[in-house]
């Protein structure tokens, strides 16, 4: 019955147009009232809810969120993102469908800088859509490629989504970061191969091949941007700093490069950039705090045990259980945005994962990847909406364009379900 109260109260609040954060609070209130009336496990008290709400945001690892968001703002305003695109253009722009390969390479590199799918997609779309339109590319297909490249950001470190999952599921964020490298690269390879296949239909003139000295000059110019992921990943691997400290390093580094080396970041820009990062942080933190209220009541109500009983027939087969959970997340991801899905399903699924003996880091990587894929599935599809807005195309055209890349990303996801060692073996090597 508690599962029914949880689902019905959440869906009802969302159905009347209530924002997700408030819907989560309503869900918590409903669970508290139901438990107070039926089992006596908890006494209905608004002060307890307020305290849990505050405690939900009072978590040191979450401090990484505003700093990574700020780093992303500095990168886009300071010219780091543009130089990454220029670098990729110098090396692969002359191939058939070259701007598509530029998109894939730039998406992977930018994913290792910001950790935000929406920010990366907006930057890539703003830079590449006009170039692709001018070159005669099919804009629906190009937009689909950019959207599918943008969702690599939550998987490759630094990932804001993994920080939120790590806090909600009590999983090592450093391990999540390191475990996400290979799956993120595989996502890039998958959409690159898919583009190679669909680009055969593109009748466009490739960009001229640049001379080798010019390529090296452009690469050297983008070297400061390329150094950041090396610093972050190397620093965490060798224990120089924690993920939270890595976020501060990323923000300071991107500020210094944009301000003093590339000199595209101006002092007058700082207020607007900090304000933009602060607004996004406020939205994320309010969601996290509201979700922690529901998570606490989910635990009190013993909902994970009820879910485990429903999944009992599959507990003996880890692969089948992972498959079922991932299908569930795919379905939920079509209706909910990334962060709410992570915050709602983590406290429900993590006890099941631990009981079945599935590695929580492995589950976390696939869970985040799955939620990232949800960003390009209608009707919500936040990243798809961003691309539609920049390219000025309909959602139908964008979905037709993204469909082959969406299938390629799902193929990678189910490949990792079938072969967990693809995630776990590189993680073990990097943790030495």
Protein backbone atom coordinates (compact mmCIF):
# COMPACT_ATOMS: atom_id res chain seq x y z
CA UNK A 1 0.00 0.00 0.00
CA UNK A 2 2.86 2.39 0.78
CA UNK A 3 4.21 1.92 -2.76
CA UNK A 4 0.78 2.91 -4.11
CA UNK A 5 0.64 6.01 -1.89
CA UNK A 6 4.15 6.97 -3.02
CA UNK A 7 3.43 6.59 -6.76
CA UNK A 8 -0.08 8.05 -6.74
CA UNK A 9 0.83 11.13 -4.68
CA UNK A 10 3.88 11.85 -6.85
CA UNK A 11 2.07 11.38 -10.16
CA UNK A 12 -1.00 13.31 -9.01
CA UNK A 13 1.11 16.30 -7.96
CA UNK A 14 2.92 16.24 -11.30
CA UNK A 15 -0.35 15.81 -13.23
CA UNK A 16 -1.71 19.12 -11.94
CA UNK A 17 1.42 20.89 -13.16
CA UNK A 18 3.30 21.13 -9.88
CA UNK A 19 7.10 21.51 -10.27
CA UNK A 20 9.02 18.30 -9.55
CA UNK A 21 10.63 19.63 -6.35
CA UNK A 22 7.25 20.56 -4.86
CA UNK A 23 5.77 17.26 -6.07
CA UNK A 24 8.48 15.43 -4.12
CA UNK A 25 7.58 17.42 -0.99
CA UNK A 26 3.89 16.57 -1.48
CA UNK A 27 4.90 12.93 -1.87
CA UNK A 28 6.82 13.15 1.42
CA UNK A 29 3.86 14.75 3.18
CA UNK A 30 1.52 12.06 1.87
CA UNK A 31 3.83 9.25 2.99
CA UNK A 32 4.25 10.82 6.44
CA UNK A 33 0.51 11.25 6.88
CA UNK A 34 -0.19 7.68 5.72
CA UNK A 35 2.46 6.16 7.99
CA UNK A 36 1.27 8.26 10.92
CA UNK A 37 -2.31 7.03 10.49
CA UNK A 38 -1.62 3.37 9.75
CA UNK A 39 1.62 2.08 11.25
CA UNK A 40 2.84 4.66 13.72
CA UNK A 41 6.36 4.37 12.28
CA UNK A 42 6.56 8.15 12.23
CA UNK A 43 4.57 11.01 13.74
CA UNK A 44 3.25 13.65 11.38
CA UNK A 45 5.28 16.77 12.13
CA UNK A 46 6.06 19.57 9.67
CA UNK A 47 9.20 20.48 11.65
CA UNK A 48 10.67 17.04 10.90
CA UNK A 49 10.07 17.61 7.19
CA UNK A 50 11.73 21.03 7.37
CA UNK A 51 14.73 19.55 9.19
CA UNK A 52 15.09 16.73 6.65
CA UNK A 53 14.81 19.27 3.85
CA UNK A 54 17.70 21.33 5.26
CA UNK A 55 19.76 18.21 5.98
CA UNK A 56 19.26 17.08 2.37
CA UNK A 57 21.21 20.04 1.03
CA UNK A 58 23.74 20.09 3.88
CA UNK A 59 26.22 17.71 2.27
CA UNK A 60 29.85 18.60 1.52
CA UNK A 61 30.20 16.65 -1.79
CA UNK A 62 27.30 18.67 -3.22
CA UNK A 63 29.55 21.73 -3.05
CA UNK A 64 31.09 20.41 -6.25
CA UNK A 65 27.88 21.17 -8.18
CA UNK A 66 28.08 25.01 -8.19
CA UNK A 67 31.81 24.97 -8.94
CA UNK A 68 31.49 22.61 -11.91
CA UNK A 69 28.57 24.70 -13.21
CA UNK A 70 30.66 27.84 -12.78
CA UNK A 71 33.56 26.17 -14.58
CA UNK A 72 31.23 25.42 -17.49
CA UNK A 73 30.14 29.06 -17.67
CA UNK A 74 33.78 30.22 -17.65
CA UNK A 75 34.70 27.72 -20.40
CA UNK A 76 31.97 28.87 -22.77
CA UNK A 77 32.54 32.59 -22.14
CA UNK A 78 36.34 32.29 -22.04
CA UNK A 79 36.77 30.65 -25.43
CA UNK A 80 37.73 27.14 -24.28
CA UNK A 81 34.70 25.53 -25.95
CA UNK A 82 35.31 27.31 -29.27
CA UNK A 83 38.97 26.27 -29.34
CA UNK A 84 38.02 22.64 -28.76
CA UNK A 85 35.71 22.78 -31.79
CA UNK A 86 38.47 24.48 -33.83
CA UNK A 87 40.92 21.77 -32.79
CA UNK A 88 38.60 18.97 -33.89
CA UNK A 89 37.86 20.85 -37.11
CA UNK A 90 41.57 21.09 -37.92
CA UNK A 91 42.08 17.31 -37.75
CA UNK A 92 38.86 15.74 -39.08
CA UNK A 93 36.91 18.55 -40.75
CA UNK A 94 38.17 17.60 -44.22
CA UNK A 95 36.65 14.09 -44.16
CA UNK A 96 33.28 13.31 -45.75
CA UNK A 97 30.71 14.40 -43.18
CA UNK A 98 33.61 16.02 -41.33
CA UNK A 99 31.52 18.41 -39.23
CA UNK A 100 29.80 15.36 -37.74
CA UNK A 101 33.13 13.91 -36.60
CA UNK A 102 34.03 17.35 -35.26
CA UNK A 103 30.82 17.21 -33.21
CA UNK A 104 31.67 13.80 -31.74
CA UNK A 105 35.27 14.69 -30.82
CA UNK A 106 34.28 18.09 -29.41
CA UNK A 107 31.44 16.51 -27.42
CA UNK A 108 33.77 13.99 -25.78
CA UNK A 109 36.38 16.62 -24.92
CA UNK A 110 33.82 19.10 -23.60
CA UNK A 111 32.17 16.33 -21.56
CA UNK A 112 35.46 15.97 -19.72
CA UNK A 113 35.41 19.67 -18.86
CA UNK A 114 31.94 20.63 -17.61
CA UNK A 115 29.78 17.59 -16.68
CA UNK A 116 26.54 19.29 -17.77
CA UNK A 117 24.65 17.86 -20.76
CA UNK A 118 22.52 20.95 -21.28
CA UNK A 119 25.48 23.36 -21.14
CA UNK A 120 27.60 21.25 -23.52
CA UNK A 121 24.74 20.79 -25.97
CA UNK A 122 23.90 24.49 -26.00
CA UNK A 123 27.54 25.39 -26.65
CA UNK A 124 28.00 22.79 -29.40
CA UNK A 125 24.71 23.68 -31.08
CA UNK A 126 25.47 27.41 -31.05
CA UNK A 127 28.90 26.80 -32.62
CA UNK A 128 28.15 23.98 -35.07
CA UNK A 129 24.53 24.34 -36.24
CA UNK A 130 25.25 27.51 -38.29
CA UNK A 131 28.33 25.83 -39.82
CA UNK A 132 26.37 22.68 -40.69
CA UNK A 133 23.47 24.66 -42.13
CA UNK A 134 25.84 26.71 -44.30
CA UNK A 135 27.58 23.51 -45.50
CA UNK A 136 24.25 21.95 -46.56
CA UNK A 137 23.88 19.25 -43.91
CA UNK A 138 20.45 17.83 -43.02
CA UNK A 139 19.75 19.95 -39.93
CA UNK A 140 17.43 17.41 -38.28
CA UNK A 141 20.14 14.76 -38.50
CA UNK A 142 22.86 17.20 -37.43
CA UNK A 143 20.77 18.31 -34.46
CA UNK A 144 20.24 14.68 -33.45
CA UNK A 145 23.99 14.08 -33.56
CA UNK A 146 24.71 17.15 -31.41
CA UNK A 147 22.05 16.13 -28.88
CA UNK A 148 23.39 12.58 -28.63
CA UNK A 149 26.91 13.95 -28.21
CA UNK A 150 25.78 16.30 -25.47
CA UNK A 151 24.50 13.47 -23.26
CA UNK A 152 28.03 12.05 -22.92
CA UNK A 153 28.69 14.84 -20.39
CA UNK A 154 26.92 13.16 -17.43
CA UNK A 155 28.94 9.96 -17.95
CA UNK A 156 32.53 11.14 -18.48
CA UNK A 157 34.02 12.84 -15.41
CA UNK A 158 33.53 15.41 -14.03
CA UNK A 159 29.82 14.54 -13.92
CA UNK A 160 27.28 16.51 -11.91
CA UNK A 161 24.86 13.58 -12.22
CA UNK A 162 27.35 11.19 -10.63
CA UNK A 163 27.88 13.61 -7.75
CA UNK A 164 24.13 13.66 -7.09
CA UNK A 165 23.88 9.87 -7.38
CA UNK A 166 26.92 9.36 -5.15
CA UNK A 167 25.38 11.53 -2.43
CA UNK A 168 21.91 9.96 -2.74
CA UNK A 169 23.21 6.38 -2.91
CA UNK A 170 26.21 6.73 -0.57
CA UNK A 171 28.62 5.59 -3.32
CA UNK A 172 32.22 6.78 -3.80
CA UNK A 173 32.14 9.71 -6.24
CA UNK A 174 35.83 9.23 -7.10
CA UNK A 175 35.16 5.61 -8.16
CA UNK A 176 32.10 6.69 -10.14
CA UNK A 177 34.16 9.31 -11.96
CA UNK A 178 36.91 6.86 -12.88
CA UNK A 179 34.45 4.11 -13.85
CA UNK A 180 32.61 6.46 -16.22
CA UNK A 181 35.60 7.11 -18.51
CA UNK A 182 35.43 3.95 -20.67
CA UNK A 183 31.59 3.88 -21.00
CA UNK A 184 31.62 7.57 -21.96
CA UNK A 185 34.25 6.95 -24.63
CA UNK A 186 32.23 3.99 -25.93
CA UNK A 187 29.21 6.29 -26.27
CA UNK A 188 31.35 8.60 -28.39
CA UNK A 189 32.59 5.71 -30.55
CA UNK A 190 29.01 4.46 -31.01
CA UNK A 191 27.64 7.75 -32.30
CA UNK A 192 30.79 8.25 -34.40
CA UNK A 193 30.22 4.92 -36.17
CA UNK A 194 26.53 5.70 -36.54
CA UNK A 195 27.38 9.06 -38.11
CA UNK A 196 29.76 7.29 -40.52
CA UNK A 197 26.81 5.17 -41.61
CA UNK A 198 24.22 7.96 -41.94
CA UNK A 199 26.72 10.49 -43.40
CA UNK A 200 26.77 8.48 -46.63
CA UNK A 201 23.46 10.23 -47.42
CA UNK A 202 24.95 13.68 -46.87
CA UNK A 203 25.87 15.34 -50.17
CA UNK A 204 28.07 18.12 -48.82
CA UNK A 205 31.45 19.55 -49.68
CA UNK A 206 34.11 18.73 -47.03
CA UNK A 207 36.15 21.55 -45.53
CA UNK A 208 39.60 22.08 -47.05
CA UNK A 209 42.46 20.08 -45.53
CA UNK A 210 44.69 22.30 -43.39
CA UNK A 211 48.46 22.20 -43.65
CA UNK A 212 50.22 20.34 -40.84
CA UNK A 213 51.85 23.45 -39.31
CA UNK A 214 48.41 25.11 -39.09
CA UNK A 215 46.97 22.00 -37.40
CA UNK A 216 49.72 22.03 -34.80
CA UNK A 217 49.19 25.74 -34.20
CA UNK A 218 45.47 25.25 -33.55
CA UNK A 219 46.20 22.22 -31.35
CA UNK A 220 48.71 24.21 -29.31
CA UNK A 221 46.16 27.01 -28.93
CA UNK A 222 43.63 24.53 -27.54
CA UNK A 223 46.21 22.83 -25.31
CA UNK A 224 45.15 24.71 -22.20
CA UNK A 225 41.58 23.44 -22.63
CA UNK A 226 42.82 19.86 -23.19
CA UNK A 227 44.95 20.00 -20.04
CA UNK A 228 41.99 20.41 -17.69
CA UNK A 229 40.59 16.83 -17.85
CA UNK A 230 44.12 15.47 -17.40
CA UNK A 231 44.54 17.59 -14.28
CA UNK A 232 41.16 16.59 -12.83
CA UNK A 233 41.34 12.85 -13.53
CA UNK A 234 45.04 12.60 -12.63
CA UNK A 235 44.50 14.56 -9.42
CA UNK A 236 41.71 12.22 -8.28
CA UNK A 237 43.53 9.04 -9.31
CA UNK A 238 46.64 9.95 -7.35
CA UNK A 239 44.72 11.32 -4.37
CA UNK A 240 45.81 14.94 -4.81
CA UNK A 241 42.27 16.20 -4.35
CA UNK A 242 38.70 14.98 -3.84
CA UNK A 243 35.92 15.43 -6.44
CA UNK A 244 34.71 18.51 -4.53
CA UNK A 245 38.18 20.02 -4.57
CA UNK A 246 38.48 19.06 -8.25
CA UNK A 247 35.43 21.23 -8.96
CA UNK A 248 37.17 24.23 -7.39
CA UNK A 249 40.32 23.48 -9.41
CA UNK A 250 38.22 23.33 -12.61
CA UNK A 251 36.53 26.66 -11.86
CA UNK A 252 39.77 28.45 -11.00
CA UNK A 253 41.64 26.93 -13.97
CA UNK A 254 38.94 27.80 -16.53
CA UNK A 255 38.69 31.32 -15.09
CA UNK A 256 42.46 31.84 -15.28
CA UNK A 257 42.74 30.49 -18.84
CA UNK A 258 39.76 32.47 -20.12
CA UNK A 259 40.81 35.69 -18.37
CA UNK A 260 44.61 35.78 -18.63
CA UNK A 261 45.62 33.42 -21.47
CA UNK A 262 42.83 33.56 -24.07
CA UNK A 263 41.68 36.96 -22.76
CA UNK A 264 38.11 36.47 -23.93
CA UNK A 265 36.65 36.48 -20.43
CA UNK A 266 36.08 40.03 -19.19
CA UNK A 267 35.70 41.28 -15.62
CA UNK A 268 32.34 42.75 -16.63
CA UNK A 269 31.14 39.22 -17.57
CA UNK A 270 31.71 37.75 -14.12
CA UNK A 271 28.51 38.93 -12.45
CA UNK A 272 26.30 37.45 -15.17
CA UNK A 273 28.22 34.15 -15.28
CA UNK A 274 28.19 33.72 -11.50
CA UNK A 275 24.48 34.59 -11.42
CA UNK A 276 23.69 32.02 -14.14
CA UNK A 277 25.64 29.30 -12.29
CA UNK A 278 23.93 30.32 -9.03
CA UNK A 279 20.44 30.06 -10.53
CA UNK A 280 21.13 26.59 -11.93
CA UNK A 281 22.66 25.52 -8.62
CA UNK A 282 19.58 26.73 -6.75
CA UNK A 283 17.32 24.59 -8.93
CA UNK A 284 19.50 21.49 -8.49
CA UNK A 285 19.93 21.94 -4.73
CA UNK A 286 16.21 22.52 -4.14
CA UNK A 287 15.50 19.29 -6.02
CA UNK A 288 18.11 17.41 -4.00
CA UNK A 289 16.79 18.73 -0.69
CA UNK A 290 13.17 17.88 -1.57
CA UNK A 291 14.18 14.41 -2.79
CA UNK A 292 16.02 13.68 0.45
CA UNK A 293 12.74 14.20 2.35
CA UNK A 294 11.05 11.57 0.19
CA UNK A 295 14.13 9.31 0.37
CA UNK A 296 14.02 9.34 4.18
CA UNK A 297 10.32 8.43 4.21
CA UNK A 298 10.87 5.78 1.54
CA UNK A 299 13.37 4.16 3.90
CA UNK A 300 11.05 4.51 6.92
CA UNK A 301 8.15 3.03 4.97
CA UNK A 302 10.35 0.11 3.88
CA UNK A 303 9.41 0.60 0.23
CA UNK A 304 12.71 -0.91 -1.02
CA UNK A 305 11.79 -4.16 0.74
CA UNK A 306 8.41 -4.20 -0.98
CA UNK A 307 10.07 -3.57 -4.34
CA UNK A 308 12.61 -6.32 -3.58
CA UNK A 309 9.75 -8.76 -2.95
CA UNK A 310 8.29 -7.92 -6.36
CA UNK A 311 11.71 -8.48 -7.93
CA UNK A 312 12.37 -11.69 -5.96
CA UNK A 313 12.05 -13.99 -9.01
CA UNK A 314 14.96 -12.17 -10.68
CA UNK A 315 17.31 -11.82 -7.70
CA UNK A 316 19.27 -14.94 -8.61
CA UNK A 317 20.25 -13.59 -12.03
CA UNK A 318 22.20 -10.30 -11.80
CA UNK A 319 22.21 -9.69 -15.54
CA UNK A 320 18.45 -10.17 -15.87
CA UNK A 321 17.82 -8.00 -12.81
CA UNK A 322 20.03 -5.23 -14.25
CA UNK A 323 18.21 -5.50 -17.56
CA UNK A 324 14.80 -5.12 -15.89
CA UNK A 325 15.96 -2.16 -13.79
CA UNK A 326 17.46 -0.45 -16.84
CA UNK A 327 14.25 -0.93 -18.85
CA UNK A 328 12.36 0.62 -15.93
CA UNK A 329 14.71 3.61 -15.94
CA UNK A 330 14.35 4.01 -19.73
CA UNK A 331 10.56 4.17 -19.33
CA UNK A 332 10.70 6.62 -16.42
CA UNK A 333 13.29 8.72 -18.25
CA UNK A 334 10.83 9.46 -21.06
CA UNK A 335 8.54 11.25 -18.59
CA UNK A 336 10.95 12.75 -16.04
CA UNK A 337 14.03 14.93 -16.32
CA UNK A 338 17.52 13.68 -15.41
CA UNK A 339 17.92 14.93 -11.83
CA UNK A 340 14.41 14.02 -10.56
CA UNK A 341 14.76 10.49 -11.98
CA UNK A 342 18.10 10.02 -10.22
CA UNK A 343 16.78 11.36 -6.93
CA UNK A 344 13.50 9.42 -7.00
CA UNK A 345 14.79 6.02 -8.12
CA UNK A 346 18.16 5.88 -6.28
CA UNK A 347 16.72 5.26 -2.78
CA UNK A 348 14.31 2.69 -4.23
CA UNK A 349 16.78 0.71 -6.35
CA UNK A 350 20.03 0.89 -4.35
CA UNK A 351 18.91 -1.50 -1.56
CA UNK A 352 17.86 -3.94 -4.29
CA UNK A 353 21.26 -3.59 -5.97
CA UNK A 354 23.13 -4.23 -2.74
CA UNK A 355 20.94 -7.22 -1.81
CA UNK A 356 21.54 -8.81 -5.23
CA UNK A 357 25.31 -8.35 -4.84
CA UNK A 358 25.66 -5.99 -7.81
CA UNK A 359 28.61 -3.60 -7.60
CA UNK A 360 27.07 -0.20 -6.70
CA UNK A 361 29.66 1.70 -8.76
CA UNK A 362 28.88 -0.43 -11.82
CA UNK A 363 25.16 0.10 -11.27
CA UNK A 364 25.70 3.81 -10.78
CA UNK A 365 27.52 4.25 -14.09
CA UNK A 366 24.82 2.41 -16.05
CA UNK A 367 22.07 4.20 -14.11
CA UNK A 368 23.54 7.63 -14.93
CA UNK A 369 24.11 6.63 -18.57
CA UNK A 370 20.49 5.50 -18.79
CA UNK A 371 19.23 8.75 -17.30
CA UNK A 372 21.44 10.69 -19.73
CA UNK A 373 19.82 8.83 -22.63
CA UNK A 374 16.48 9.97 -21.23
CA UNK A 375 17.54 13.53 -22.04
CA UNK A 376 17.04 12.81 -25.76
CA UNK A 377 13.76 10.88 -25.50
CA UNK A 378 10.44 12.69 -26.00
CA UNK A 379 8.21 14.07 -24.62
CA UNK A 380 10.48 15.67 -21.97
CA UNK A 381 13.92 15.29 -23.64
CA UNK A 382 15.55 18.40 -22.19
CA UNK A 383 18.63 18.20 -24.40
CA UNK A 384 16.49 17.58 -27.47
CA UNK A 385 14.49 20.71 -26.61
CA UNK A 386 17.71 22.73 -26.32
CA UNK A 387 18.81 21.65 -29.79
CA UNK A 388 15.36 22.40 -31.23
CA UNK A 389 15.53 25.91 -29.79
CA UNK A 390 18.98 26.65 -31.20
CA UNK A 391 18.39 25.04 -34.61
CA UNK A 392 14.79 26.34 -34.83
CA UNK A 393 13.36 22.98 -35.89
CA UNK A 394 10.37 20.97 -34.66
CA UNK A 395 10.59 18.21 -32.07
CA UNK A 396 9.46 15.70 -34.72
CA UNK A 397 12.38 16.59 -36.98
CA UNK A 398 14.82 16.47 -34.08
CA UNK A 399 13.57 13.06 -32.94
CA UNK A 400 13.84 11.61 -36.46
CA UNK A 401 17.39 12.90 -36.56
CA UNK A 402 18.38 11.61 -33.13
CA UNK A 403 16.76 8.16 -33.48
CA UNK A 404 19.74 6.25 -35.00
CA UNK A 405 22.09 7.78 -32.40
CA UNK A 406 19.62 7.00 -29.60
CA UNK A 407 19.57 3.35 -30.68
CA UNK A 408 23.38 3.33 -30.75
CA UNK A 409 23.55 4.69 -27.17
CA UNK A 410 21.02 2.09 -25.99
CA UNK A 411 23.13 -0.62 -27.69
CA UNK A 412 26.15 0.53 -25.63
CA UNK A 413 24.04 0.45 -22.47
CA UNK A 414 22.89 -3.12 -23.04
CA UNK A 415 26.42 -4.15 -24.07
CA UNK A 416 27.60 -3.01 -20.62
CA UNK A 417 24.78 -4.98 -18.99
CA UNK A 418 25.95 -8.12 -20.81
CA UNK A 419 29.65 -7.51 -20.09
CA UNK A 420 30.14 -5.76 -16.70
CA UNK A 421 33.91 -6.21 -16.96
CA UNK A 422 34.00 -3.40 -19.55
CA UNK A 423 33.27 -1.07 -16.63
CA UNK A 424 34.86 -2.91 -13.72
CA UNK A 425 38.23 -3.99 -15.16
CA UNK A 426 39.36 -0.47 -16.17
CA UNK A 427 38.13 0.79 -12.78
CA UNK A 428 40.25 -1.76 -10.94
CA UNK A 429 43.29 -0.77 -13.01
CA UNK A 430 42.78 2.96 -12.38
CA UNK A 431 42.27 2.44 -8.64
CA UNK A 432 45.70 0.79 -8.22
